[in-house]
Amino acid sequence: MVKFTTSEIRDLLISLIVISFAFAILISDGNISTSLSLIPITIVVVGFGFIFHELAHKFVAIRYGFWAEYKMWIEGLVLCLVTAYFGFLFAAPGAVYIHGEYIGKKENGIISIAGSITNIILALFFLLIIKITGQFYYWAYLGMFINGFLAFFNQLPFFGLDGSKVIKWNPLVWILIVVISLGFVAIGYFPSLLSLIL
């Protein structure tokens, strides 16, 4: 049964606001006034990506019979804002902590990859909006890029990120997820690639 504690809801909301503001700072090249006006957009595109990413970890862990709860990382939230101001983003606002008697390599890998798969699905959803409508919607383009970035970043195999657990479970699956997520990131950095898809 899925349960949320009061502190977990608080941590999710705080993390959501901070990471949305950080992405707004990043895409506005550090212009604070512009970034404030972008927050409604980044809350929508980052909100879906961040919240669904963490919930995917939680739900899969619960499916395996573990207790799972999201907790924010204060240092990570600060680092997220600081790095965004300097033109790159270290997006580690918190994590889902899992408790159980024994978490096997396979279960840990599947739980860890659930977040990135969710981001890839969302990136594809935003890309399909552009494809189906034939219009370049900035918010959809941003949603595709951010979710692709989140999927890729979380699969980096170090710093205790999801990728380190996935690669131990199944290196081939890890490579596949990294390649797909990098594809969305590439389109994000080079919008001209959209012409190959539209």
Protein backbone atom coordinates (compact mmCIF):
# COMPACT_ATOMS: atom_id res chain seq x y z
CA MET A 1 0.00 0.00 0.00
CA VAL A 2 1.35 3.41 -1.01
CA LYS A 3 1.65 5.87 1.88
CA PHE A 4 3.09 9.37 2.06
CA THR A 5 4.35 10.92 5.27
CA THR A 6 3.89 14.63 6.00
CA SER A 7 7.63 15.20 5.85
CA GLU A 8 7.85 13.36 2.51
CA ILE A 9 5.19 15.59 0.95
CA ARG A 10 7.00 18.65 2.32
CA ASP A 11 10.34 17.48 0.93
CA LEU A 12 8.83 16.74 -2.49
CA LEU A 13 7.26 20.20 -2.71
CA ILE A 14 10.41 22.03 -1.60
CA SER A 15 12.55 20.01 -4.00
CA LEU A 16 10.09 20.66 -6.82
CA ILE A 17 10.20 24.42 -6.30
CA VAL A 18 14.00 24.55 -6.02
CA ILE A 19 14.73 22.37 -9.05
CA SER A 20 12.14 24.30 -11.11
CA PHE A 21 13.81 27.58 -10.16
CA ALA A 22 17.25 26.11 -10.91
CA PHE A 23 16.21 25.07 -14.43
CA ALA A 24 14.67 28.52 -14.93
CA ILE A 25 18.00 30.11 -13.95
CA LEU A 26 19.86 27.77 -16.28
CA ILE A 27 17.78 28.44 -19.39
CA SER A 28 17.75 32.21 -18.73
CA ASP A 29 21.57 32.29 -18.50
CA GLY A 30 21.52 33.41 -14.88
CA ASN A 31 19.10 36.30 -15.40
CA ILE A 32 17.11 36.19 -12.16
CA SER A 33 14.20 38.38 -13.32
CA THR A 34 13.76 36.31 -16.49
CA SER A 35 14.07 33.06 -14.55
CA LEU A 36 11.26 34.14 -12.23
CA SER A 37 8.95 34.59 -15.22
CA LEU A 38 9.92 31.11 -16.49
CA ILE A 39 9.04 29.32 -13.25
CA PRO A 40 5.41 28.54 -14.30
CA ILE A 41 6.79 26.76 -17.37
CA THR A 42 9.58 24.92 -15.55
CA ILE A 43 7.23 23.84 -12.77
CA VAL A 44 5.06 22.13 -15.38
CA VAL A 45 7.85 20.45 -17.37
CA VAL A 46 10.24 19.85 -14.49
CA GLY A 47 7.39 19.10 -12.12
CA PHE A 48 6.14 16.20 -14.21
CA GLY A 49 9.68 14.96 -14.76
CA PHE A 50 10.90 15.26 -11.18
CA ILE A 51 7.77 14.11 -9.35
CA PHE A 52 7.06 11.18 -11.66
CA HIS A 53 10.74 10.16 -11.56
CA GLU A 54 10.76 9.92 -7.76
CA LEU A 55 7.31 8.34 -7.59
CA ALA A 56 8.42 5.67 -10.07
CA HIS A 57 11.22 4.68 -7.69
CA LYS A 58 8.81 4.66 -4.77
CA PHE A 59 6.04 2.68 -6.45
CA VAL A 60 8.38 0.01 -7.88
CA ALA A 61 10.11 -0.37 -4.51
CA ILE A 62 6.75 -0.78 -2.78
CA ARG A 63 5.76 -3.31 -5.45
CA TYR A 64 8.74 -5.39 -4.32
CA GLY A 65 7.57 -5.12 -0.73
CA PHE A 66 9.99 -2.47 0.53
CA TRP A 67 9.34 0.72 2.46
CA ALA A 68 10.22 3.74 0.31
CA GLU A 69 10.23 7.41 1.22
CA TYR A 70 11.57 10.51 -0.54
CA LYS A 71 13.87 12.78 1.45
CA MET A 72 15.37 16.03 0.22
CA TRP A 73 19.10 16.72 0.38
CA ILE A 74 19.72 20.30 1.55
CA GLU A 75 23.27 20.41 0.21
CA GLY A 76 22.06 19.06 -3.12
CA LEU A 77 19.35 21.72 -3.37
CA VAL A 78 21.90 24.48 -2.72
CA LEU A 79 24.35 22.96 -5.21
CA CYS A 80 21.55 22.72 -7.75
CA LEU A 81 20.92 26.49 -7.54
CA VAL A 82 24.60 27.47 -7.49
CA THR A 83 25.59 25.33 -10.46
CA ALA A 84 22.57 26.53 -12.46
CA TYR A 85 23.73 30.12 -12.02
CA PHE A 86 27.13 29.21 -13.47
CA GLY A 87 25.67 27.58 -16.56
CA PHE A 88 25.42 23.88 -15.73
CA LEU A 89 23.25 21.84 -13.42
CA PHE A 90 24.00 19.27 -10.76
CA ALA A 91 20.47 18.00 -10.25
CA ALA A 92 20.47 15.97 -7.04
CA PRO A 93 17.77 17.53 -4.83
CA GLY A 94 17.08 14.33 -2.91
CA ALA A 95 16.38 10.64 -3.24
CA VAL A 96 13.94 7.88 -2.42
CA TYR A 97 15.30 5.93 0.52
CA ILE A 98 14.41 2.25 0.48
CA HIS A 99 14.29 -0.02 3.51
CA GLY A 100 13.93 -3.79 3.57
CA GLU A 101 15.53 -6.97 4.83
CA TYR A 102 17.39 -7.66 1.57
CA ILE A 103 17.42 -5.83 -1.74
CA GLY A 104 18.86 -8.00 -4.51
CA LYS A 105 20.94 -6.72 -7.41
CA LYS A 106 18.08 -7.23 -9.88
CA GLU A 107 15.44 -5.57 -7.70
CA ASN A 108 17.78 -2.66 -6.95
CA GLY A 109 18.53 -2.25 -10.65
CA ILE A 110 14.88 -2.26 -11.70
CA ILE A 111 13.92 0.17 -8.94
CA SER A 112 16.81 2.44 -9.97
CA ILE A 113 15.98 2.42 -13.67
CA ALA A 114 12.27 3.13 -13.15
CA GLY A 115 12.85 6.87 -12.75
CA SER A 116 14.82 7.27 -15.98
CA ILE A 117 12.33 5.16 -17.95
CA THR A 118 9.58 7.47 -16.69
CA ASN A 119 11.56 10.51 -17.87
CA ILE A 120 12.11 8.92 -21.30
CA ILE A 121 8.36 8.27 -21.62
CA LEU A 122 7.67 11.91 -20.73
CA ALA A 123 10.34 13.14 -23.18
CA LEU A 124 8.69 11.06 -25.90
CA PHE A 125 5.29 12.48 -24.92
CA PHE A 126 6.52 16.08 -25.32
CA LEU A 127 8.22 15.19 -28.61
CA LEU A 128 4.98 13.65 -29.91
CA ILE A 129 3.15 16.88 -29.13
CA ILE A 130 5.54 18.69 -31.49
CA LYS A 131 5.35 15.88 -34.05
CA ILE A 132 1.55 15.58 -34.08
CA THR A 133 0.83 19.32 -34.11
CA GLY A 134 3.69 20.17 -36.44
CA GLN A 135 4.36 23.21 -34.27
CA PHE A 136 7.47 24.14 -32.32
CA TYR A 137 6.08 24.69 -28.84
CA TYR A 138 8.82 25.98 -26.56
CA TRP A 139 7.31 24.38 -23.46
CA ALA A 140 7.05 20.99 -25.20
CA TYR A 141 10.62 21.30 -26.50
CA LEU A 142 11.79 22.21 -23.00
CA GLY A 143 9.86 19.28 -21.51
CA MET A 144 11.49 16.88 -23.96
CA PHE A 145 14.98 18.22 -23.26
CA ILE A 146 14.67 18.37 -19.47
CA ASN A 147 13.25 14.86 -19.19
CA GLY A 148 15.94 13.52 -21.51
CA PHE A 149 18.54 15.28 -19.37
CA LEU A 150 17.10 13.93 -16.12
CA ALA A 151 17.04 10.39 -17.55
CA PHE A 152 20.69 10.68 -18.65
CA PHE A 153 21.99 12.44 -15.53
CA ASN A 154 20.49 9.86 -13.20
CA GLN A 155 22.16 7.06 -15.17
CA LEU A 156 25.65 8.41 -14.61
CA PRO A 157 27.42 5.47 -12.89
CA PHE A 158 28.86 7.38 -9.94
CA PHE A 159 28.03 9.60 -6.94
CA GLY A 160 25.55 6.96 -5.80
CA LEU A 161 23.23 7.85 -8.70
CA ASP A 162 20.81 5.33 -10.22
CA GLY A 163 23.23 4.40 -12.99
CA SER A 164 25.72 2.79 -10.61
CA LYS A 165 23.03 0.32 -9.50
CA VAL A 166 21.63 -0.30 -12.98
CA ILE A 167 25.02 -1.04 -14.53
CA LYS A 168 25.73 -3.63 -11.81
CA TRP A 169 22.43 -5.35 -12.60
CA ASN A 170 22.44 -5.22 -16.42
CA PRO A 171 25.07 -3.22 -18.39
CA LEU A 172 23.22 -3.71 -21.70
CA VAL A 173 20.00 -2.22 -20.34
CA TRP A 174 22.05 0.64 -18.88
CA ILE A 175 23.67 1.35 -22.28
CA LEU A 176 20.27 1.32 -24.00
CA ILE A 177 18.77 3.82 -21.56
CA VAL A 178 21.83 6.08 -21.79
CA VAL A 179 21.77 6.08 -25.61
CA ILE A 180 18.03 6.86 -25.76
CA SER A 181 18.25 9.64 -23.18
CA LEU A 182 21.30 11.12 -24.93
CA GLY A 183 19.25 11.22 -28.12
CA PHE A 184 16.73 13.52 -26.48
CA VAL A 185 19.53 15.64 -25.00
CA ALA A 186 21.14 15.96 -28.44
CA ILE A 187 17.86 17.17 -29.93
CA GLY A 188 17.64 19.63 -27.06
CA TYR A 189 21.06 21.09 -27.80
CA PHE A 190 20.61 20.98 -31.58
CA PRO A 191 16.98 21.92 -32.40
CA SER A 192 17.73 21.55 -36.12
CA LEU A 193 17.60 17.78 -35.53
CA LEU A 194 13.85 18.13 -35.08
CA SER A 195 13.58 18.59 -38.85
CA LEU A 196 14.67 14.97 -39.23
CA ILE A 197 11.72 13.87 -37.10
CA LEU A 198 8.95 16.29 -38.07
